Amino acid sequence: RGDEVLAERIEAIGAKTYELCTFLTD
């Protein structure tokens, strides 16, 4: 939808967003 700024924000926050099992083990 042409929003590169939003895409980069999602990727940055997503890198620190975890599913519970992954957070616990990793």
PDB file of all heavy atoms in Angstrom:
ATOM      1  N   ARG A   1       0.816  -1.215   0.000  1.00  0.00           N
ATOM      2  CA  ARG A   1       0.000   0.000   0.000  1.00  0.00           C
ATOM      3  C   ARG A   1       0.855   1.273   0.000  1.00  0.00           C
ATOM      4  O   ARG A   1       0.352   2.362   0.217  1.00  0.00           O
ATOM      5  CB  ARG A   1      -0.943  -0.001   1.215  1.00  0.00           C
ATOM      6  CG  ARG A   1      -2.089  -1.025   1.074  1.00  0.00           C
ATOM      7  CD  ARG A   1      -2.918  -0.713  -0.171  1.00  0.00           C
ATOM      8  NE  ARG A   1      -4.032  -1.623  -0.365  1.00  0.00           N
ATOM      9  CZ  ARG A   1      -4.036  -2.647  -1.197  1.00  0.00           C
ATOM     10  NH1 ARG A   1      -2.943  -2.933  -1.905  1.00  0.00           N
ATOM     11  NH2 ARG A   1      -5.100  -3.414  -1.335  1.00  0.00           N
ATOM     12  N   GLY A   2       2.145   1.117  -0.290  1.00  0.00           N
ATOM     13  CA  GLY A   2       3.011   2.274  -0.524  1.00  0.00           C
ATOM     14  C   GLY A   2       3.479   3.006   0.713  1.00  0.00           C
ATOM     15  O   GLY A   2       3.912   4.162   0.630  1.00  0.00           O
ATOM     16  N   ASP A   3       3.438   2.357   1.879  1.00  0.00           N
ATOM     17  CA  ASP A   3       3.849   3.017   3.121  1.00  0.00           C
ATOM     18  C   ASP A   3       5.128   2.362   3.632  1.00  0.00           C
ATOM     19  O   ASP A   3       5.096   1.478   4.489  1.00  0.00           O
ATOM     20  CB  ASP A   3       2.741   2.940   4.164  1.00  0.00           C
ATOM     21  CG  ASP A   3       2.945   3.893   5.321  1.00  0.00           C
ATOM     22  OD1 ASP A   3       4.114   4.228   5.607  1.00  0.00           O
ATOM     23  OD2 ASP A   3       1.944   4.296   5.951  1.00  0.00           O
ATOM     24  N   GLU A   4       6.285   2.809   3.111  1.00  0.00           N
ATOM     25  CA  GLU A   4       7.564   2.231   3.495  1.00  0.00           C
ATOM     26  C   GLU A   4       7.910   2.536   4.948  1.00  0.00           C
ATOM     27  O   GLU A   4       8.505   1.715   5.640  1.00  0.00           O
ATOM     28  CB  GLU A   4       8.666   2.753   2.574  1.00  0.00           C
ATOM     29  CG  GLU A   4      10.064   2.235   2.890  1.00  0.00           C
ATOM     30  CD  GLU A   4      10.180   0.727   2.727  1.00  0.00           C
ATOM     31  OE1 GLU A   4       9.418   0.125   1.933  1.00  0.00           O
ATOM     32  OE2 GLU A   4      11.040   0.136   3.417  1.00  0.00           O
ATOM     33  N   VAL A   5       7.538   3.719   5.420  1.00  0.00           N
ATOM     34  CA  VAL A   5       7.822   4.085   6.807  1.00  0.00           C
ATOM     35  C   VAL A   5       7.123   3.116   7.770  1.00  0.00           C
ATOM     36  O   VAL A   5       7.718   2.624   8.729  1.00  0.00           O
ATOM     37  CB  VAL A   5       7.402   5.533   7.097  1.00  0.00           C
ATOM     38  CG1 VAL A   5       7.523   5.841   8.590  1.00  0.00           C
ATOM     39  CG2 VAL A   5       8.241   6.504   6.284  1.00  0.00           C
ATOM     40  N   LEU A   6       5.849   2.843   7.494  1.00  0.00           N
ATOM     41  CA  LEU A   6       5.109   1.897   8.332  1.00  0.00           C
ATOM     42  C   LEU A   6       5.735   0.512   8.261  1.00  0.00           C
ATOM     43  O   LEU A   6       5.870  -0.170   9.281  1.00  0.00           O
ATOM     44  CB  LEU A   6       3.647   1.841   7.902  1.00  0.00           C
ATOM     45  CG  LEU A   6       2.758   0.853   8.665  1.00  0.00           C
ATOM     46  CD1 LEU A   6       2.687   1.210  10.148  1.00  0.00           C
ATOM     47  CD2 LEU A   6       1.353   0.802   8.057  1.00  0.00           C
ATOM     48  N   ALA A   7       6.130   0.093   7.055  1.00  0.00           N
ATOM     49  CA  ALA A   7       6.747  -1.228   6.896  1.00  0.00           C
ATOM     50  C   ALA A   7       8.005  -1.355   7.748  1.00  0.00           C
ATOM     51  O   ALA A   7       8.218  -2.371   8.420  1.00  0.00           O
ATOM     52  CB  ALA A   7       7.078  -1.475   5.428  1.00  0.00           C
ATOM     53  N   GLU A   8       8.825  -0.319   7.752  1.00  0.00           N
ATOM     54  CA  GLU A   8      10.063  -0.364   8.530  1.00  0.00           C
ATOM     55  C   GLU A   8       9.779  -0.348  10.029  1.00  0.00           C
ATOM     56  O   GLU A   8      10.482  -1.007  10.809  1.00  0.00           O
ATOM     57  CB  GLU A   8      10.956   0.802   8.138  1.00  0.00           C
ATOM     58  CG  GLU A   8      11.504   0.675   6.714  1.00  0.00           C
ATOM     59  CD  GLU A   8      12.334   1.877   6.287  1.00  0.00           C
ATOM     60  OE1 GLU A   8      12.484   2.815   7.102  1.00  0.00           O
ATOM     61  OE2 GLU A   8      12.838   1.869   5.149  1.00  0.00           O
ATOM     62  N   ARG A   9       8.757   0.368  10.445  1.00  0.00           N
ATOM     63  CA  ARG A   9       8.378   0.377  11.867  1.00  0.00           C
ATOM     64  C   ARG A   9       7.888  -1.011  12.289  1.00  0.00           C
ATOM     65  O   ARG A   9       8.226  -1.498  13.374  1.00  0.00           O
ATOM     66  CB  ARG A   9       7.292   1.417  12.121  1.00  0.00           C
ATOM     67  CG  ARG A   9       7.756   2.855  12.005  1.00  0.00           C
ATOM     68  CD  ARG A   9       6.582   3.812  12.085  1.00  0.00           C
ATOM     69  NE  ARG A   9       6.033   3.925  13.431  1.00  0.00           N
ATOM     70  CZ  ARG A   9       4.827   4.412  13.707  1.00  0.00           C
ATOM     71  NH1 ARG A   9       4.024   4.797  12.717  1.00  0.00           N
ATOM     72  NH2 ARG A   9       4.404   4.504  14.962  1.00  0.00           N
ATOM     73  N   ILE A  10       7.073  -1.644  11.440  1.00  0.00           N
ATOM     74  CA  ILE A  10       6.589  -2.990  11.752  1.00  0.00           C
ATOM     75  C   ILE A  10       7.752  -3.957  11.893  1.00  0.00           C
ATOM     76  O   ILE A  10       7.808  -4.774  12.820  1.00  0.00           O
ATOM     77  CB  ILE A  10       5.605  -3.476  10.668  1.00  0.00           C
ATOM     78  CG1 ILE A  10       4.329  -2.639  10.683  1.00  0.00           C
ATOM     79  CG2 ILE A  10       5.279  -4.958  10.861  1.00  0.00           C
ATOM     80  CD1 ILE A  10       3.419  -2.885   9.513  1.00  0.00           C
ATOM     81  N   GLU A  11       8.711  -3.887  10.980  1.00  0.00           N
ATOM     82  CA  GLU A  11       9.864  -4.794  11.032  1.00  0.00           C
ATOM     83  C   GLU A  11      10.702  -4.563  12.288  1.00  0.00           C
ATOM     84  O   GLU A  11      11.170  -5.518  12.921  1.00  0.00           O
ATOM     85  CB  GLU A  11      10.716  -4.612   9.779  1.00  0.00           C
ATOM     86  CG  GLU A  11      10.055  -5.161   8.526  1.00  0.00           C
ATOM     87  CD  GLU A  11      10.815  -4.841   7.259  1.00  0.00           C
ATOM     88  OE1 GLU A  11      11.573  -3.847   7.242  1.00  0.00           O
ATOM     89  OE2 GLU A  11      10.638  -5.580   6.270  1.00  0.00           O
ATOM     90  N   ALA A  12      10.895  -3.299  12.660  1.00  0.00           N
ATOM     91  CA  ALA A  12      11.706  -2.992  13.839  1.00  0.00           C
ATOM     92  C   ALA A  12      11.044  -3.497  15.117  1.00  0.00           C
ATOM     93  O   ALA A  12      11.697  -4.113  15.975  1.00  0.00           O
ATOM     94  CB  ALA A  12      11.946  -1.487  13.923  1.00  0.00           C
ATOM     95  N   ILE A  13       9.743  -3.252  15.237  1.00  0.00           N
ATOM     96  CA  ILE A  13       9.026  -3.720  16.430  1.00  0.00           C
ATOM     97  C   ILE A  13       8.876  -5.239  16.390  1.00  0.00           C
ATOM     98  O   ILE A  13       8.997  -5.914  17.415  1.00  0.00           O
ATOM     99  CB  ILE A  13       7.658  -3.032  16.535  1.00  0.00           C
ATOM    100  CG1 ILE A  13       7.839  -1.520  16.674  1.00  0.00           C
ATOM    101  CG2 ILE A  13       6.860  -3.577  17.718  1.00  0.00           C
ATOM    102  CD1 ILE A  13       6.576  -0.721  16.496  1.00  0.00           C
ATOM    103  N   GLY A  14       8.623  -5.781  15.195  1.00  0.00           N
ATOM    104  CA  GLY A  14       8.483  -7.225  15.046  1.00  0.00           C
ATOM    105  C   GLY A  14       9.730  -7.987  15.474  1.00  0.00           C
ATOM    106  O   GLY A  14       9.648  -9.116  15.970  1.00  0.00           O
ATOM    107  N   ALA A  15      10.901  -7.369  15.309  1.00  0.00           N
ATOM    108  CA  ALA A  15      12.150  -8.017  15.712  1.00  0.00           C
ATOM    109  C   ALA A  15      12.230  -8.191  17.217  1.00  0.00           C
ATOM    110  O   ALA A  15      13.012  -9.013  17.714  1.00  0.00           O
ATOM    111  CB  ALA A  15      13.337  -7.198  15.212  1.00  0.00           C
ATOM    112  N   LYS A  16      11.424  -7.434  17.962  1.00  0.00           N
ATOM    113  CA  LYS A  16      11.389  -7.548  19.414  1.00  0.00           C
ATOM    114  C   LYS A  16      10.055  -8.092  19.911  1.00  0.00           C
ATOM    115  O   LYS A  16       9.721  -7.966  21.085  1.00  0.00           O
ATOM    116  CB  LYS A  16      11.676  -6.191  20.056  1.00  0.00           C
ATOM    117  CG  LYS A  16      13.088  -5.690  19.781  1.00  0.00           C
ATOM    118  CD  LYS A  16      13.472  -4.545  20.689  1.00  0.00           C
ATOM    119  CE  LYS A  16      14.943  -4.202  20.520  1.00  0.00           C
ATOM    120  NZ  LYS A  16      15.428  -3.303  21.579  1.00  0.00           N
ATOM    121  N   THR A  17       9.295  -8.685  18.998  1.00  0.00           N
ATOM    122  CA  THR A  17       8.000  -9.278  19.324  1.00  0.00           C
ATOM    123  C   THR A  17       8.126 -10.798  19.220  1.00  0.00           C
ATOM    124  O   THR A  17       8.570 -11.308  18.191  1.00  0.00           O
ATOM    125  CB  THR A  17       6.914  -8.768  18.370  1.00  0.00           C
ATOM    126  OG1 THR A  17       6.796  -7.349  18.500  1.00  0.00           O
ATOM    127  CG2 THR A  17       5.567  -9.403  18.681  1.00  0.00           C
ATOM    128  N   TYR A  18       7.755 -11.514  20.267  1.00  0.00           N
ATOM    129  CA  TYR A  18       8.008 -12.950  20.348  1.00  0.00           C
ATOM    130  C   TYR A  18       6.755 -13.747  20.692  1.00  0.00           C
ATOM    131  O   TYR A  18       5.945 -13.318  21.521  1.00  0.00           O
ATOM    132  CB  TYR A  18       9.040 -13.255  21.441  1.00  0.00           C
ATOM    133  CG  TYR A  18      10.392 -12.655  21.217  1.00  0.00           C
ATOM    134  CD1 TYR A  18      10.680 -11.373  21.697  1.00  0.00           C
ATOM    135  CD2 TYR A  18      11.389 -13.343  20.546  1.00  0.00           C
ATOM    136  CE1 TYR A  18      11.928 -10.801  21.507  1.00  0.00           C
ATOM    137  CE2 TYR A  18      12.643 -12.787  20.350  1.00  0.00           C
ATOM    138  CZ  TYR A  18      12.904 -11.518  20.823  1.00  0.00           C
ATOM    139  OH  TYR A  18      14.146 -10.956  20.632  1.00  0.00           O
ATOM    140  N   GLU A  19       6.622 -14.886  20.074  1.00  0.00           N
ATOM    141  CA  GLU A  19       5.701 -15.917  20.547  1.00  0.00           C
ATOM    142  C   GLU A  19       6.261 -16.443  21.867  1.00  0.00           C
ATOM    143  O   GLU A  19       7.476 -16.492  22.083  1.00  0.00           O
ATOM    144  CB  GLU A  19       5.600 -17.020  19.491  1.00  0.00           C
ATOM    145  CG  GLU A  19       4.661 -18.155  19.846  1.00  0.00           C
ATOM    146  CD  GLU A  19       5.327 -19.194  20.727  1.00  0.00           C
ATOM    147  OE1 GLU A  19       6.565 -19.334  20.660  1.00  0.00           O
ATOM    148  OE2 GLU A  19       4.604 -19.852  21.494  1.00  0.00           O
ATOM    149  N   LEU A  20       5.388 -16.853  22.778  1.00  0.00           N
ATOM    150  CA  LEU A  20       5.789 -17.188  24.134  1.00  0.00           C
ATOM    151  C   LEU A  20       6.886 -18.252  24.199  1.00  0.00           C
ATOM    152  O   LEU A  20       7.891 -18.066  24.904  1.00  0.00           O
ATOM    153  CB  LEU A  20       4.572 -17.670  24.935  1.00  0.00           C
ATOM    154  CG  LEU A  20       4.849 -18.132  26.366  1.00  0.00           C
ATOM    155  CD1 LEU A  20       5.409 -17.000  27.211  1.00  0.00           C
ATOM    156  CD2 LEU A  20       3.583 -18.714  26.981  1.00  0.00           C
ATOM    157  N   CYS A  21       6.725 -19.375  23.513  1.00  0.00           N
ATOM    158  CA  CYS A  21       7.718 -20.445  23.596  1.00  0.00           C
ATOM    159  C   CYS A  21       9.085 -19.985  23.101  1.00  0.00           C
ATOM    160  O   CYS A  21      10.122 -20.324  23.685  1.00  0.00           O
ATOM    161  CB  CYS A  21       7.261 -21.669  22.797  1.00  0.00           C
ATOM    162  SG  CYS A  21       5.805 -22.495  23.464  1.00  0.00           S
ATOM    163  N   THR A  22       9.095 -19.208  22.020  1.00  0.00           N
ATOM    164  CA  THR A  22      10.354 -18.686  21.489  1.00  0.00           C
ATOM    165  C   THR A  22      11.010 -17.740  22.482  1.00  0.00           C
ATOM    166  O   THR A  22      12.231 -17.764  22.680  1.00  0.00           O
ATOM    167  CB  THR A  22      10.111 -17.962  20.158  1.00  0.00           C
ATOM    168  OG1 THR A  22       9.535 -18.876  19.225  1.00  0.00           O
ATOM    169  CG2 THR A  22      11.405 -17.423  19.582  1.00  0.00           C
ATOM    170  N   PHE A  23      10.204 -16.898  23.134  1.00  0.00           N
ATOM    171  CA  PHE A  23      10.768 -15.994  24.130  1.00  0.00           C
ATOM    172  C   PHE A  23      11.404 -16.774  25.270  1.00  0.00           C
ATOM    173  O   PHE A  23      12.519 -16.458  25.723  1.00  0.00           O
ATOM    174  CB  PHE A  23       9.689 -15.064  24.680  1.00  0.00           C
ATOM    175  CG  PHE A  23      10.201 -14.128  25.735  1.00  0.00           C
ATOM    176  CD1 PHE A  23      10.859 -12.960  25.382  1.00  0.00           C
ATOM    177  CD2 PHE A  23      10.052 -14.428  27.075  1.00  0.00           C
ATOM    178  CE1 PHE A  23      11.358 -12.107  26.354  1.00  0.00           C
ATOM    179  CE2 PHE A  23      10.544 -13.587  28.061  1.00  0.00           C
ATOM    180  CZ  PHE A  23      11.206 -12.427  27.694  1.00  0.00           C
ATOM    181  N   LEU A  24      10.727 -17.804  25.731  1.00  0.00           N
ATOM    182  CA  LEU A  24      11.233 -18.564  26.873  1.00  0.00           C
ATOM    183  C   LEU A  24      12.544 -19.267  26.544  1.00  0.00           C
ATOM    184  O   LEU A  24      13.507 -19.217  27.325  1.00  0.00           O
ATOM    185  CB  LEU A  24      10.189 -19.580  27.318  1.00  0.00           C
ATOM    186  CG  LEU A  24       8.894 -18.989  27.886  1.00  0.00           C
ATOM    187  CD1 LEU A  24       7.845 -20.072  28.040  1.00  0.00           C
ATOM    188  CD2 LEU A  24       9.146 -18.286  29.218  1.00  0.00           C
ATOM    189  N   THR A  25      12.611 -19.924  25.396  1.00  0.00           N
ATOM    190  CA  THR A  25      13.806 -20.696  25.053  1.00  0.00           C
ATOM    191  C   THR A  25      14.946 -19.818  24.552  1.00  0.00           C
ATOM    192  O   THR A  25      16.113 -20.064  24.880  1.00  0.00           O
ATOM    193  CB  THR A  25      13.484 -21.760  23.991  1.00  0.00           C
ATOM    194  OG1 THR A  25      12.954 -21.123  22.817  1.00  0.00           O
ATOM    195  CG2 THR A  25      12.474 -22.770  24.519  1.00  0.00           C
ATOM    196  N   ASP A  26      14.626 -18.781  23.768  1.00  0.00           N
ATOM    197  CA  ASP A  26      15.667 -18.016  23.089  1.00  0.00           C
ATOM    198  C   ASP A  26      16.078 -16.733  23.823  1.00  0.00           C
ATOM    199  O   ASP A  26      17.219 -16.296  23.685  1.00  0.00           O
ATOM    200  CB  ASP A  26      15.218 -17.641  21.674  1.00  0.00           C
ATOM    201  CG  ASP A  26      15.000 -18.852  20.786  1.00  0.00           C
ATOM    202  OD1 ASP A  26      14.955 -19.983  21.300  1.00  0.00           O
ATOM    203  OD2 ASP A  26      14.859 -18.667  19.564  1.00  0.00           O
TER     204      ASP A  26
END
